[in-house]
C-alpha cells in the first residue's frame, strides 16, 4: 500500500511537470519511463542494483546516467531519476512508470483492454472488433488479444476494472446453476 502511494506521488509530480512543458514532453517522458520499466523487468540484475542498499547513490546515478543517455532523456527526466536515487526511491521506479502510463492514457483519452478468445482471430476480425468497441465507448482503445482454449468459445473482454464474460464456459456455468436451482 505504501509502495503505491509513493509511486503515485512521484508519477503525479513528473506528470505535472510534463503538462507544463506540453504534450510532446509528456509523451517523451512516458516513453522514457516505460523503457526504464521494461529494462528493469527484462534485466533483474539491473533492478537489484538500483534497489540495493549496499550500492552507493553515486554508483546508481552513474548507471542511471548511462541508461538515460541511451534513451535520450531530457534534463528534467534525468533530474527526476537522480532525485529518486538521492531519496532512495529507485525501488519504486517500475510502479512510477506504471502510474505515469495510466495518467498519460487518461490525459490522451485512451482506454486499454484485453480481448480473450478461444481461437486466434484473423487481423481483419481484430480490426473490426476494435473499431466496434471504439464506436460504442466513444474513446480510443488500445486492445491486446490473447487466446485461452479453456473458455471454449465466445470471448472475455477486460477493460479497466470491467470484465464482460461472453464465453461459452460462463454461459454453461450459468445454465448449470439454473438447473441446480430447479428453475
Protein backbone atom coordinates (compact mmCIF):
# COMPACT_ATOMS: atom_id res chain seq x y z
CA UNK A 1 0.00 0.00 0.00
CA UNK A 2 2.77 2.42 0.90
CA UNK A 3 4.56 1.47 -2.33
CA UNK A 4 1.50 2.52 -4.31
CA UNK A 5 1.17 5.85 -2.51
CA UNK A 6 4.84 6.70 -3.04
CA UNK A 7 4.77 5.66 -6.70
CA UNK A 8 1.60 7.63 -7.34
CA UNK A 9 3.04 10.80 -5.77
CA UNK A 10 6.21 10.69 -7.84
CA UNK A 11 4.29 9.82 -11.01
CA UNK A 12 1.91 12.73 -10.39
CA UNK A 13 4.87 15.07 -9.84
CA UNK A 14 6.70 14.20 -13.07
CA UNK A 15 3.37 14.22 -14.93
CA UNK A 16 2.57 17.72 -13.64
CA UNK A 17 5.97 18.92 -14.84
CA UNK A 18 5.28 17.36 -18.22
CA UNK A 19 1.91 19.10 -18.51
CA UNK A 20 3.67 22.44 -18.08
CA UNK A 21 6.15 21.50 -20.82
CA UNK A 22 3.50 20.34 -23.30
CA UNK A 23 2.14 17.17 -24.87
CA UNK A 24 5.40 16.29 -26.58
CA UNK A 25 7.27 16.32 -23.26
CA UNK A 26 4.50 14.25 -21.64
CA UNK A 27 4.78 11.58 -24.32
CA UNK A 28 8.58 11.58 -24.40
CA UNK A 29 8.82 11.17 -20.63
CA UNK A 30 6.21 8.45 -20.74
CA UNK A 31 8.23 6.57 -23.34
CA UNK A 32 11.39 7.02 -21.28
CA UNK A 33 9.75 5.77 -18.08
CA UNK A 34 8.15 2.84 -19.92
CA UNK A 35 11.53 1.88 -21.41
CA UNK A 36 13.16 2.07 -17.98
CA UNK A 37 10.38 -0.10 -16.52
CA UNK A 38 10.84 -2.65 -19.30
CA UNK A 39 14.60 -2.70 -18.73
CA UNK A 40 14.08 -3.40 -15.04
CA UNK A 41 11.73 -6.28 -15.82
CA UNK A 42 13.97 -7.71 -18.54
CA UNK A 43 17.18 -7.38 -16.51
CA UNK A 44 16.65 -8.49 -12.90
CA UNK A 45 20.30 -7.69 -12.10
CA UNK A 46 19.72 -4.05 -13.01
CA UNK A 47 16.63 -3.93 -10.82
CA UNK A 48 18.54 -5.42 -7.90
CA UNK A 49 21.41 -2.99 -8.42
CA UNK A 50 19.14 0.04 -8.25
CA UNK A 51 17.32 -1.30 -5.17
CA UNK A 52 20.40 -2.45 -3.28
CA UNK A 53 21.23 -0.51 -0.09
CA UNK A 54 24.83 -1.74 -0.38
CA UNK A 55 25.48 0.10 -3.64
CA UNK A 56 26.08 3.81 -3.20
CA UNK A 57 23.94 6.59 -4.60
CA UNK A 58 26.71 7.87 -6.86
CA UNK A 59 27.15 4.42 -8.42
CA UNK A 60 23.41 4.18 -9.00
CA UNK A 61 23.44 7.62 -10.60
CA UNK A 62 26.26 6.52 -12.91
CA UNK A 63 24.20 3.51 -14.03
CA UNK A 64 21.14 5.72 -14.49
CA UNK A 65 23.17 8.27 -16.44
CA UNK A 66 24.21 5.61 -18.95
CA UNK A 67 20.67 4.26 -19.27
CA UNK A 68 19.15 7.72 -19.67
CA UNK A 69 21.82 8.61 -22.23
CA UNK A 70 20.81 5.61 -24.34
CA UNK A 71 17.17 6.61 -24.03
CA UNK A 72 17.95 10.25 -24.95
CA UNK A 73 16.11 11.50 -21.87
CA UNK A 74 15.69 15.24 -21.38
CA UNK A 75 17.22 17.12 -18.45
CA UNK A 76 14.01 17.07 -16.41
CA UNK A 77 13.82 13.29 -16.72
CA UNK A 78 17.47 12.96 -15.71
CA UNK A 79 16.96 15.22 -12.71
CA UNK A 80 13.87 13.26 -11.72
CA UNK A 81 15.70 9.92 -11.82
CA UNK A 82 18.67 11.35 -9.90
CA UNK A 83 16.25 12.72 -7.30
CA UNK A 84 14.82 9.20 -6.95
CA UNK A 85 18.36 7.95 -6.37
CA UNK A 86 19.09 10.66 -3.79
CA UNK A 87 15.86 9.93 -1.92
CA UNK A 88 16.40 6.13 -2.06
CA UNK A 89 13.23 5.75 -4.14
CA UNK A 90 14.61 3.83 -7.14
CA UNK A 91 12.88 0.70 -5.84
CA UNK A 92 9.61 2.35 -6.92
CA UNK A 93 10.69 3.08 -10.50
CA UNK A 94 8.59 0.30 -12.07
CA UNK A 95 5.49 1.35 -10.16
CA UNK A 96 6.11 5.01 -11.01
CA UNK A 97 6.34 4.02 -14.67
CA UNK A 98 3.04 2.13 -14.48
CA UNK A 99 1.21 5.01 -12.76
CA UNK A 100 2.62 7.53 -15.23
CA UNK A 101 1.36 5.34 -18.07
CA UNK A 102 -2.13 5.35 -16.55
CA UNK A 103 -2.06 9.13 -16.16
CA UNK A 104 -0.88 9.55 -19.74
CA UNK A 105 -3.59 7.25 -21.09
CA UNK A 106 -6.21 9.17 -19.12
CA UNK A 107 -4.93 12.50 -20.44
CA UNK A 108 -5.00 11.24 -24.04
CA UNK A 109 -8.39 9.59 -23.64
CA UNK A 110 -7.04 6.10 -24.28
CA UNK A 111 -8.64 3.04 -22.74
CA UNK A 112 -6.58 -0.16 -22.55
CA UNK A 113 -8.16 -3.55 -22.72
CA UNK A 114 -7.63 -7.21 -23.44
CA UNK A 115 -9.83 -9.47 -25.53
CA UNK A 116 -9.51 -13.20 -24.84
CA UNK A 117 -10.91 -15.70 -27.32
CA UNK A 118 -10.79 -19.48 -27.63
CA UNK A 119 -9.17 -19.33 -31.07
CA UNK A 120 -6.77 -16.95 -32.75
CA UNK A 121 -8.60 -14.22 -34.63
CA UNK A 122 -7.61 -13.04 -38.12
CA UNK A 123 -6.31 -9.47 -38.40
CA UNK A 124 -9.43 -8.17 -40.16
CA UNK A 125 -11.70 -9.53 -37.40
CA UNK A 126 -9.46 -7.92 -34.74
CA UNK A 127 -9.67 -4.57 -36.53
CA UNK A 128 -13.48 -4.78 -36.80
CA UNK A 129 -13.85 -5.66 -33.10
CA UNK A 130 -11.57 -2.79 -32.09
CA UNK A 131 -13.44 -0.34 -34.31
CA UNK A 132 -16.80 -1.50 -32.95
CA UNK A 133 -15.61 -1.11 -29.35
CA UNK A 134 -14.25 2.36 -30.06
CA UNK A 135 -17.60 3.42 -31.51
CA UNK A 136 -19.51 2.05 -28.51
CA UNK A 137 -17.22 3.55 -25.88
CA UNK A 138 -16.50 6.81 -27.69
CA UNK A 139 -12.82 6.52 -26.74
CA UNK A 140 -9.61 5.40 -28.40
CA UNK A 141 -8.84 1.84 -27.38
CA UNK A 142 -5.51 0.05 -27.15
CA UNK A 143 -6.57 -3.58 -27.35
CA UNK A 144 -4.40 -6.64 -26.86
CA UNK A 145 -5.55 -10.06 -27.95
CA UNK A 146 -4.98 -13.38 -26.21
CA UNK A 147 -6.06 -16.97 -26.72
CA UNK A 148 -7.38 -19.20 -23.93
CA UNK A 149 -8.82 -22.51 -25.07
CA UNK A 150 -10.38 -23.05 -21.63
CA UNK A 151 -13.16 -20.54 -22.37
CA UNK A 152 -14.42 -23.00 -25.04
CA UNK A 153 -15.92 -20.30 -27.26
CA UNK A 154 -17.06 -16.71 -27.30
CA UNK A 155 -14.89 -14.02 -25.71
CA UNK A 156 -13.89 -12.29 -22.49
CA UNK A 157 -13.30 -8.54 -22.66
CA UNK A 158 -11.36 -6.83 -19.88
CA UNK A 159 -11.26 -3.03 -19.97
CA UNK A 160 -10.01 -1.21 -16.91
CA UNK A 161 -11.84 -2.66 -13.93
CA UNK A 162 -14.69 -4.03 -16.04
CA UNK A 163 -14.98 -7.59 -17.34
CA UNK A 164 -17.52 -8.72 -19.91
CA UNK A 165 -17.55 -12.52 -19.93
CA UNK A 166 -19.42 -13.72 -23.01
CA UNK A 167 -17.62 -17.05 -23.08
CA UNK A 168 -19.25 -20.40 -23.60
CA UNK A 169 -17.72 -21.54 -20.30
CA UNK A 170 -19.52 -18.75 -18.41
CA UNK A 171 -22.82 -19.40 -20.17
CA UNK A 172 -22.59 -23.12 -19.36
CA UNK A 173 -21.87 -22.20 -15.74
CA UNK A 174 -25.00 -20.04 -15.60
CA UNK A 175 -27.03 -22.84 -17.16
CA UNK A 176 -25.64 -25.32 -14.63
CA UNK A 177 -26.61 -23.04 -11.73
CA UNK A 178 -30.09 -22.61 -13.17
CA UNK A 179 -30.55 -26.40 -13.32
CA UNK A 180 -29.28 -26.77 -9.74
CA UNK A 181 -31.89 -24.28 -8.51
CA UNK A 182 -34.57 -26.15 -10.45
CA UNK A 183 -35.79 -23.17 -12.45
